[in-house]
Amino acid sequence: MTHVLILVHHGGAWDEGRRKYEGGVLKGIVVSKDITHKDLQYELYDLAEVDPTKFNIKIRCIYEIKGEKEAPPFELSNDRDLKFYILSENPLDENEVDIGEVQVGLCDNMIGTNSAI
C-alpha cells in the first residue's frame, strides 16, 4: 500500500488577498493514497484536537497554474477533489511516497463564524 505525506497548516487563518494561510502550526501526517475525504477529515480533526460535532473543517491547497497570476485556493470537498490532489503530487521514486501541503480552517458550527482555532 502506498502512502502520502501531507503537510498541514492549522490554527491560523486564510489571507484571501495574498492566497496564503497565516499563523497557526505546521504538522505532518501520513495517510494511505486510498484514503477517503471523510477519513481525511477525521485525521485532521484528531490532529487539531477538536470535536467534529462542534467544528466544521475546510481543506484547501494552492496550485500554481501557468498563465494565471492568482488562481484561487483549491478546496478539497469530496473524494474526487482529494484524489486529484493526491495524484497531482510528484512521487518520490525511492519509497513511493508523495508530499503535498494543505491548509485547514476550522469553523465553529455553533456560531457559524470563520474564526480558526
C-alpha atoms as a PDB file:
ATOM      1  CA  MET A   1       0.000   0.000   0.000  1.00  0.00           C
ATOM      2  CA  THR A   2       1.413   3.388  -0.950  1.00  0.00           C
ATOM      3  CA  HIS A   3       1.162   6.388   1.303  1.00  0.00           C
ATOM      4  CA  VAL A   4       1.158  10.145   1.015  1.00  0.00           C
ATOM      5  CA  LEU A   5       2.935  12.595   3.302  1.00  0.00           C
ATOM      6  CA  ILE A   6       0.837  15.727   3.755  1.00  0.00           C
ATOM      7  CA  LEU A   7       1.946  18.923   5.461  1.00  0.00           C
ATOM      8  CA  VAL A   8      -0.981  20.502   7.275  1.00  0.00           C
ATOM      9  CA  HIS A   9      -1.295  24.126   8.398  1.00  0.00           C
ATOM     10  CA  HIS A  10      -3.985  24.683  11.013  1.00  0.00           C
ATOM     11  CA  GLY A  11      -4.865  27.058  13.814  1.00  0.00           C
ATOM     12  CA  GLY A  12      -4.380  30.200  11.712  1.00  0.00           C
ATOM     13  CA  ALA A  13      -6.471  31.974   9.103  1.00  0.00           C
ATOM     14  CA  TRP A  14      -6.593  32.467   5.342  1.00  0.00           C
ATOM     15  CA  ASP A  15      -5.330  35.781   3.973  1.00  0.00           C
ATOM     16  CA  GLU A  16      -7.595  35.782   0.913  1.00  0.00           C
ATOM     17  CA  GLY A  17      -5.843  38.770  -0.655  1.00  0.00           C
ATOM     18  CA  ARG A  18      -2.470  37.047  -0.621  1.00  0.00           C
ATOM     19  CA  ARG A  19      -3.800  33.498  -1.168  1.00  0.00           C
ATOM     20  CA  LYS A  20      -1.857  32.359   1.866  1.00  0.00           C
ATOM     21  CA  TYR A  21      -2.579  30.717   5.198  1.00  0.00           C
ATOM     22  CA  GLU A  22      -1.190  32.837   8.028  1.00  0.00           C
ATOM     23  CA  GLY A  23      -0.218  31.783  11.531  1.00  0.00           C
ATOM     24  CA  GLY A  24      -1.056  28.558  13.269  1.00  0.00           C
ATOM     25  CA  VAL A  25       1.113  25.473  13.283  1.00  0.00           C
ATOM     26  CA  LEU A  26       2.552  23.180  10.621  1.00  0.00           C
ATOM     27  CA  LYS A  27       2.241  19.430  11.166  1.00  0.00           C
ATOM     28  CA  GLY A  28       2.689  16.367   9.013  1.00  0.00           C
ATOM     29  CA  ILE A  29       0.521  13.295   8.569  1.00  0.00           C
ATOM     30  CA  VAL A  30       0.960  10.058   6.639  1.00  0.00           C
ATOM     31  CA  VAL A  31      -2.148   8.603   5.029  1.00  0.00           C
ATOM     32  CA  SER A  32      -2.955   5.899   2.512  1.00  0.00           C
ATOM     33  CA  LYS A  33      -3.243   7.005  -1.105  1.00  0.00           C
ATOM     34  CA  ASP A  34      -6.706   5.423  -0.985  1.00  0.00           C
ATOM     35  CA  ILE A  35      -7.973   7.488   1.961  1.00  0.00           C
ATOM     36  CA  THR A  36     -11.481   8.878   1.620  1.00  0.00           C
ATOM     37  CA  HIS A  37     -12.327  12.529   2.136  1.00  0.00           C
ATOM     38  CA  LYS A  38     -14.342  11.654   5.246  1.00  0.00           C
ATOM     39  CA  ASP A  39     -11.456   9.660   6.750  1.00  0.00           C
ATOM     40  CA  LEU A  40      -9.028  12.504   5.995  1.00  0.00           C
ATOM     41  CA  GLN A  41     -11.371  14.905   7.774  1.00  0.00           C
ATOM     42  CA  TYR A  42     -11.302  12.696  10.882  1.00  0.00           C
ATOM     43  CA  GLU A  43      -7.490  12.516  10.714  1.00  0.00           C
ATOM     44  CA  LEU A  44      -7.402  16.320  10.614  1.00  0.00           C
ATOM     45  CA  TYR A  45      -9.894  16.701  13.469  1.00  0.00           C
ATOM     46  CA  ASP A  46      -7.661  14.402  15.513  1.00  0.00           C
ATOM     47  CA  LEU A  47      -4.533  16.335  14.531  1.00  0.00           C
ATOM     48  CA  ALA A  48      -6.125  19.665  15.502  1.00  0.00           C
ATOM     49  CA  GLU A  49      -7.564  18.088  18.665  1.00  0.00           C
ATOM     50  CA  VAL A  50     -11.080  19.426  18.132  1.00  0.00           C
ATOM     51  CA  ASP A  51     -14.546  17.911  18.398  1.00  0.00           C
ATOM     52  CA  PRO A  52     -16.048  17.220  14.935  1.00  0.00           C
ATOM     53  CA  THR A  53     -19.540  17.892  16.314  1.00  0.00           C
ATOM     54  CA  LYS A  54     -18.558  21.448  17.225  1.00  0.00           C
ATOM     55  CA  PHE A  55     -16.373  22.409  14.286  1.00  0.00           C
ATOM     56  CA  ASN A  56     -16.604  22.195  10.506  1.00  0.00           C
ATOM     57  CA  ILE A  57     -13.400  21.591   8.593  1.00  0.00           C
ATOM     58  CA  LYS A  58     -12.414  23.216   5.298  1.00  0.00           C
ATOM     59  CA  ILE A  59      -9.430  21.780   3.404  1.00  0.00           C
ATOM     60  CA  ARG A  60      -7.734  23.888   0.738  1.00  0.00           C
ATOM     61  CA  CYS A  61      -4.458  23.925  -1.156  1.00  0.00           C
ATOM     62  CA  ILE A  62      -2.772  26.299  -3.577  1.00  0.00           C
ATOM     63  CA  TYR A  63      -1.801  25.307  -7.103  1.00  0.00           C
ATOM     64  CA  GLU A  64       0.428  27.417  -9.311  1.00  0.00           C
ATOM     65  CA  ILE A  65      -1.210  27.477 -12.750  1.00  0.00           C
ATOM     66  CA  LYS A  66       0.712  28.724 -15.778  1.00  0.00           C
ATOM     67  CA  GLY A  67      -0.859  31.852 -17.210  1.00  0.00           C
ATOM     68  CA  GLU A  68      -2.819  32.533 -14.008  1.00  0.00           C
ATOM     69  CA  LYS A  69      -1.442  35.235 -11.767  1.00  0.00           C
ATOM     70  CA  GLU A  70      -3.680  34.382  -8.849  1.00  0.00           C
ATOM     71  CA  ALA A  71      -5.526  31.092  -9.039  1.00  0.00           C
ATOM     72  CA  PRO A  72      -7.956  30.754  -6.130  1.00  0.00           C
ATOM     73  CA  PRO A  73      -7.290  28.175  -3.413  1.00  0.00           C
ATOM     74  CA  PHE A  74      -8.405  24.694  -4.459  1.00  0.00           C
ATOM     75  CA  GLU A  75     -10.925  23.310  -1.983  1.00  0.00           C
ATOM     76  CA  LEU A  76     -10.865  19.585  -1.267  1.00  0.00           C
ATOM     77  CA  SER A  77     -14.534  18.995  -0.500  1.00  0.00           C
ATOM     78  CA  ASN A  78     -15.121  15.417  -1.668  1.00  0.00           C
ATOM     79  CA  ASP A  79     -13.388  12.171  -2.709  1.00  0.00           C
ATOM     80  CA  ARG A  80     -12.910  13.362  -6.297  1.00  0.00           C
ATOM     81  CA  ASP A  81     -11.088  16.538  -5.204  1.00  0.00           C
ATOM     82  CA  LEU A  82      -8.928  14.570  -2.779  1.00  0.00           C
ATOM     83  CA  LYS A  83      -7.980  12.001  -5.438  1.00  0.00           C
ATOM     84  CA  PHE A  84      -6.999  14.828  -7.812  1.00  0.00           C
ATOM     85  CA  TYR A  85      -4.836  16.359  -5.071  1.00  0.00           C
ATOM     86  CA  ILE A  86      -3.133  13.064  -4.226  1.00  0.00           C
ATOM     87  CA  LEU A  87      -2.485  12.101  -7.856  1.00  0.00           C
ATOM     88  CA  SER A  88      -1.195  15.543  -8.856  1.00  0.00           C
ATOM     89  CA  GLU A  89       1.784  15.430  -6.494  1.00  0.00           C
ATOM     90  CA  ASN A  90       5.211  14.323  -7.729  1.00  0.00           C
ATOM     91  CA  PRO A  91       6.032  10.843  -6.431  1.00  0.00           C
ATOM     92  CA  LEU A  92       9.324  10.149  -4.714  1.00  0.00           C
ATOM     93  CA  ASP A  93      10.603   7.115  -6.623  1.00  0.00           C
ATOM     94  CA  GLU A  94      12.614   5.610  -3.794  1.00  0.00           C
ATOM     95  CA  ASN A  95       9.833   4.869  -1.321  1.00  0.00           C
ATOM     96  CA  GLU A  96       6.623   5.515  -3.259  1.00  0.00           C
ATOM     97  CA  VAL A  97       5.641   8.416  -1.012  1.00  0.00           C
ATOM     98  CA  ASP A  98       4.269  11.732  -2.197  1.00  0.00           C
ATOM     99  CA  ILE A  99       4.367  15.001  -0.330  1.00  0.00           C
ATOM    100  CA  GLY A 100       1.925  17.861  -0.510  1.00  0.00           C
ATOM    101  CA  GLU A 101       0.655  20.683   1.641  1.00  0.00           C
ATOM    102  CA  VAL A 102      -2.857  21.603   2.672  1.00  0.00           C
ATOM    103  CA  GLN A 103      -4.233  24.361   4.838  1.00  0.00           C
ATOM    104  CA  VAL A 104      -7.078  23.562   7.179  1.00  0.00           C
ATOM    105  CA  GLY A 105      -9.562  26.093   8.509  1.00  0.00           C
ATOM    106  CA  LEU A 106     -11.888  25.098  11.316  1.00  0.00           C
ATOM    107  CA  CYS A 107     -15.183  26.961  11.549  1.00  0.00           C
ATOM    108  CA  ASP A 108     -17.284  26.921  14.698  1.00  0.00           C
ATOM    109  CA  ASN A 109     -20.534  25.109  13.834  1.00  0.00           C
ATOM    110  CA  MET A 110     -22.341  26.515  16.832  1.00  0.00           C
ATOM    111  CA  ILE A 111     -21.823  30.157  15.874  1.00  0.00           C
ATOM    112  CA  GLY A 112     -21.097  29.807  12.165  1.00  0.00           C
ATOM    113  CA  THR A 113     -18.101  32.122  12.243  1.00  0.00           C
ATOM    114  CA  ASN A 114     -14.859  31.721  10.336  1.00  0.00           C
ATOM    115  CA  SER A 115     -12.704  32.013  13.436  1.00  0.00           C
ATOM    116  CA  ALA A 116      -9.984  29.405  13.272  1.00  0.00           C
ATOM    117  CA  ILE A 117      -8.508  27.651  16.260  1.00  0.00           C
END
